[in-house]
């Protein structure tokens, strides 16, 4: 199984930190955010990873190299300007050789175990579903949520019977290439419209992650993450 880490965003809300450093390379708990992902992927047995980049992308390649220090084989998908999530995935689609693949946002931190992705991919191979999303309870900065989970049941819906979107996309998911195959290469495209269309056909599954998750989108949240990682340090 192969994986992709999305690392092309500008990180406007993290300025001035991101004026000179791409957001995935910002330090959290003594190492770049993206390195937490790389270590977790290697531990899970996922060896081949592609990283897209745009803003200051040369720093990402220079810092991470070929991935051998983590036992990985890293490839890169440079974008002259960020293509949004779906556009970035579509540009790199050939890398996945027609098989389901794991995608992780480079600017989130979670204790979710990427080893779970193997069973998710196998389930997608067996059915008509196009995606299996890892969701998180709605955080304070996104109280409206993204998707509904009717009584915690799958597949996902756009909202619950009460009209509420009860969960937020964590930036982690396993996808079939078919979801992106119709998109032109090198053209910006958002992920949400593709997911909502697939949800209407009951072609999206979901799992609610009960553990720790944070979208490291602001300096304040970065500080919160560092506090969390400091609290874990004695047990690591």
Protein backbone atom coordinates (compact mmCIF):
# COMPACT_ATOMS: atom_id res chain seq x y z
CA UNK A 1 0.00 0.00 0.00
CA UNK A 2 1.19 3.50 -0.83
CA UNK A 3 0.48 6.81 0.88
CA UNK A 4 0.41 10.53 0.11
CA UNK A 5 1.10 13.41 2.46
CA UNK A 6 -0.45 16.72 1.42
CA UNK A 7 2.08 19.50 1.99
CA UNK A 8 1.34 22.15 -0.63
CA UNK A 9 -0.59 24.71 1.42
CA UNK A 10 0.66 28.23 2.05
CA UNK A 11 -0.29 28.29 5.75
CA UNK A 12 -1.58 31.88 5.80
CA UNK A 13 -2.92 31.65 9.35
CA UNK A 14 0.48 30.51 10.61
CA UNK A 15 2.30 33.60 9.37
CA UNK A 16 4.89 34.87 10.06
CA UNK A 17 6.20 31.34 10.81
CA UNK A 18 5.30 30.19 7.30
CA UNK A 19 6.84 33.17 5.54
CA UNK A 20 10.19 31.37 5.57
CA UNK A 21 9.24 27.78 6.47
CA UNK A 22 6.61 25.52 4.86
CA UNK A 23 3.99 24.58 7.42
CA UNK A 24 4.73 20.79 7.40
CA UNK A 25 8.29 21.58 8.52
CA UNK A 26 7.23 23.64 11.54
CA UNK A 27 8.57 22.03 14.69
CA UNK A 28 6.20 20.29 17.11
CA UNK A 29 7.54 18.29 20.00
CA UNK A 30 11.10 18.70 18.74
CA UNK A 31 10.60 17.53 15.15
CA UNK A 32 8.81 18.74 12.01
CA UNK A 33 5.08 18.02 11.85
CA UNK A 34 5.50 15.92 8.72
CA UNK A 35 8.16 13.74 10.36
CA UNK A 36 5.55 12.50 12.86
CA UNK A 37 3.63 11.19 9.84
CA UNK A 38 6.69 9.62 8.28
CA UNK A 39 7.61 7.77 11.45
CA UNK A 40 4.04 6.53 11.90
CA UNK A 41 3.83 5.33 8.29
CA UNK A 42 7.14 3.48 8.57
CA UNK A 43 6.05 1.84 11.82
CA UNK A 44 2.81 0.73 10.15
CA UNK A 45 4.71 -0.92 7.30
CA UNK A 46 3.87 1.60 4.59
CA UNK A 47 7.12 2.22 2.74
CA UNK A 48 6.35 4.17 -0.45
CA UNK A 49 5.14 7.72 0.12
CA UNK A 50 4.62 10.69 -2.18
CA UNK A 51 4.55 14.27 -0.92
CA UNK A 52 3.11 17.14 -2.91
CA UNK A 53 4.43 20.64 -2.33
CA UNK A 54 4.20 24.17 -3.67
CA UNK A 55 5.11 26.96 -1.23
CA UNK A 56 8.82 26.62 -0.33
CA UNK A 57 8.69 23.04 -1.52
CA UNK A 58 12.42 22.88 -2.12
CA UNK A 59 12.88 23.07 1.65
CA UNK A 60 10.70 19.99 2.09
CA UNK A 61 12.76 17.96 -0.38
CA UNK A 62 16.05 19.19 1.07
CA UNK A 63 14.98 18.34 4.62
CA UNK A 64 13.41 14.93 3.99
CA UNK A 65 15.53 13.67 1.13
CA UNK A 66 14.76 10.19 -0.15
CA UNK A 67 13.23 9.05 3.15
CA UNK A 68 15.82 6.36 3.78
CA UNK A 69 16.53 7.61 7.30
CA UNK A 70 13.01 6.42 8.22
CA UNK A 71 13.12 3.28 6.08
CA UNK A 72 10.88 4.92 3.46
CA UNK A 73 11.04 5.62 -0.25
CA UNK A 74 9.91 9.21 -0.74
CA UNK A 75 8.73 10.68 -4.02
CA UNK A 76 7.65 14.26 -4.64
CA UNK A 77 4.90 15.91 -6.67
CA UNK A 78 5.80 19.59 -7.11
CA UNK A 79 3.03 22.04 -7.95
CA UNK A 80 3.85 25.53 -9.33
CA UNK A 81 0.87 26.74 -7.29
CA UNK A 82 -1.20 24.67 -4.89
CA UNK A 83 -3.85 22.59 -6.68
CA UNK A 84 -6.14 22.07 -3.63
CA UNK A 85 -6.59 18.59 -2.17
CA UNK A 86 -8.32 16.77 -5.03
CA UNK A 87 -6.20 18.48 -7.68
CA UNK A 88 -3.01 17.53 -5.88
CA UNK A 89 -4.11 13.91 -5.56
CA UNK A 90 -5.15 13.78 -9.23
CA UNK A 91 -1.73 15.06 -10.32
CA UNK A 92 -0.03 12.25 -8.38
CA UNK A 93 -2.58 9.54 -9.23
CA UNK A 94 -0.25 7.39 -11.34
CA UNK A 95 1.93 6.84 -8.26
CA UNK A 96 -0.74 4.60 -6.70
CA UNK A 97 -0.79 2.06 -9.56
CA UNK A 98 -4.57 1.73 -9.55
CA UNK A 99 -4.75 0.61 -5.91
CA UNK A 100 -6.46 2.20 -2.88
CA UNK A 101 -4.12 4.57 -1.07
CA UNK A 102 -3.83 6.48 2.19
CA UNK A 103 -3.84 10.29 2.26
CA UNK A 104 -2.80 12.38 5.27
CA UNK A 105 -2.75 16.15 5.61
CA UNK A 106 0.75 17.30 6.45
CA UNK A 107 -0.49 19.94 8.91
CA UNK A 108 -2.46 17.75 11.30
CA UNK A 109 -1.29 15.70 14.28
CA UNK A 110 -3.09 12.61 15.49
CA UNK A 111 -2.44 9.41 17.39
CA UNK A 112 -4.43 7.50 14.75
CA UNK A 113 -2.50 4.40 13.66
CA UNK A 114 -1.87 4.21 9.88
CA UNK A 115 -1.75 0.41 10.16
CA UNK A 116 -5.56 0.57 10.13
CA UNK A 117 -5.39 1.71 6.51
CA UNK A 118 -4.65 -1.82 5.23
CA UNK A 119 -8.02 -3.19 6.36
CA UNK A 120 -9.76 -0.07 5.08
CA UNK A 121 -8.19 -0.50 1.65
CA UNK A 122 -9.13 -4.17 1.55
CA UNK A 123 -12.75 -3.30 2.37
CA UNK A 124 -12.84 -0.70 -0.40
CA UNK A 125 -11.49 -3.24 -2.89
CA UNK A 126 -14.38 -5.57 -2.11
CA UNK A 127 -17.24 -3.10 -2.61
CA UNK A 128 -18.48 -0.12 -4.60
CA UNK A 129 -17.34 2.46 -2.04
CA UNK A 130 -14.78 5.02 -3.16
CA UNK A 131 -13.48 6.36 0.14
CA UNK A 132 -13.13 5.58 3.81
CA UNK A 133 -12.68 8.72 5.88
CA UNK A 134 -11.21 9.07 9.35
CA UNK A 135 -13.39 11.54 11.24
CA UNK A 136 -13.04 13.38 14.51
CA UNK A 137 -15.62 14.96 16.83
CA UNK A 138 -16.18 18.57 15.82
CA UNK A 139 -13.41 20.72 17.31
CA UNK A 140 -14.08 24.19 18.79
CA UNK A 141 -12.78 25.94 15.67
CA UNK A 142 -15.10 23.94 13.38
CA UNK A 143 -18.33 23.36 15.33
CA UNK A 144 -20.51 22.95 12.22
CA UNK A 145 -18.66 19.80 11.15
CA UNK A 146 -18.37 18.27 7.69
CA UNK A 147 -20.40 15.04 7.68
CA UNK A 148 -23.21 13.27 9.46
CA UNK A 149 -23.05 9.87 11.10
CA UNK A 150 -26.63 8.74 11.69
CA UNK A 151 -26.47 6.92 15.03
CA UNK A 152 -22.83 6.19 14.25
CA UNK A 153 -23.79 4.07 11.27
CA UNK A 154 -22.05 3.74 7.94
CA UNK A 155 -22.00 4.83 5.21
CA UNK A 156 -21.72 8.54 5.84
CA UNK A 157 -24.50 11.01 5.17
CA UNK A 158 -24.42 14.73 4.50
CA UNK A 159 -26.26 15.40 7.75
CA UNK A 160 -28.10 13.58 10.50
CA UNK A 161 -31.86 13.37 10.88
CA UNK A 162 -31.64 16.32 13.29
CA UNK A 163 -29.89 18.34 10.60
CA UNK A 164 -26.49 18.37 12.32
CA UNK A 165 -23.14 17.49 10.85
CA UNK A 166 -21.75 15.46 13.70
CA UNK A 167 -18.15 14.89 12.63
CA UNK A 168 -15.21 16.65 11.02
CA UNK A 169 -12.88 15.24 8.38
CA UNK A 170 -9.53 14.70 10.06
CA UNK A 171 -7.50 15.10 6.89
CA UNK A 172 -6.89 11.34 6.87
CA UNK A 173 -8.58 8.88 4.54
CA UNK A 174 -8.19 5.92 2.22
CA UNK A 175 -9.33 6.45 -1.36
CA UNK A 176 -9.84 4.53 -4.56
CA UNK A 177 -8.21 6.12 -7.62
CA UNK A 178 -11.61 6.06 -9.35
CA UNK A 179 -12.77 8.98 -7.22
CA UNK A 180 -10.22 11.25 -8.91
CA UNK A 181 -9.80 9.60 -12.33
CA UNK A 182 -12.05 12.10 -14.14
CA UNK A 183 -10.12 15.14 -12.94
CA UNK A 184 -7.65 16.75 -15.35
CA UNK A 185 -4.01 16.80 -14.33
CA UNK A 186 -2.54 20.11 -13.19
CA UNK A 187 -5.91 21.72 -12.47
CA UNK A 188 -7.08 22.94 -9.08
CA UNK A 189 -9.95 20.93 -7.57
CA UNK A 190 -11.45 20.69 -4.08
CA UNK A 191 -12.12 17.38 -2.36
CA UNK A 192 -15.43 18.20 -0.66
CA UNK A 193 -17.60 18.23 -3.82
CA UNK A 194 -16.29 14.81 -4.82
CA UNK A 195 -17.04 13.41 -1.37
CA UNK A 196 -20.53 14.87 -1.15
CA UNK A 197 -21.40 13.46 -4.57
CA UNK A 198 -20.12 10.02 -3.54
CA UNK A 199 -21.97 10.22 -0.22
CA UNK A 200 -25.25 10.78 -2.08
CA UNK A 201 -24.69 7.37 -3.70
CA UNK A 202 -23.70 5.81 -0.34
CA UNK A 203 -20.17 5.28 -1.59
CA UNK A 204 -18.27 6.75 1.37
CA UNK A 205 -17.50 4.97 4.62
CA UNK A 206 -16.28 6.57 7.82
CA UNK A 207 -14.64 5.86 11.14
CA UNK A 208 -14.80 8.19 14.14
CA UNK A 209 -11.36 8.40 15.75
CA UNK A 210 -11.75 8.65 19.55
CA UNK A 211 -8.17 9.66 20.24
CA UNK A 212 -6.19 12.87 19.98
CA UNK A 213 -6.35 14.98 16.82
CA UNK A 214 -5.45 18.56 16.04
CA UNK A 215 -5.45 20.70 12.93
CA UNK A 216 -2.31 22.75 13.50
CA UNK A 217 -3.67 25.76 11.65
CA UNK A 218 -2.74 28.63 13.98
CA UNK A 219 0.13 29.51 16.35
CA UNK A 220 -2.28 29.00 19.26
CA UNK A 221 -3.05 25.44 18.21
CA UNK A 222 0.64 24.76 17.66
CA UNK A 223 1.22 25.82 21.26
CA UNK A 224 -1.58 23.50 22.40
CA UNK A 225 -0.03 20.62 20.47
CA UNK A 226 3.36 21.25 22.02
CA UNK A 227 1.77 21.17 25.47
CA UNK A 228 0.12 17.85 24.60
CA UNK A 229 3.39 16.37 23.33
CA UNK A 230 5.23 17.56 26.43
CA UNK A 231 2.66 15.74 28.55
CA UNK A 232 3.41 12.52 26.65
CA UNK A 233 7.19 12.83 26.83
CA UNK A 234 7.77 10.92 30.11
CA UNK A 235 5.96 7.84 28.77
CA UNK A 236 7.64 7.79 25.37
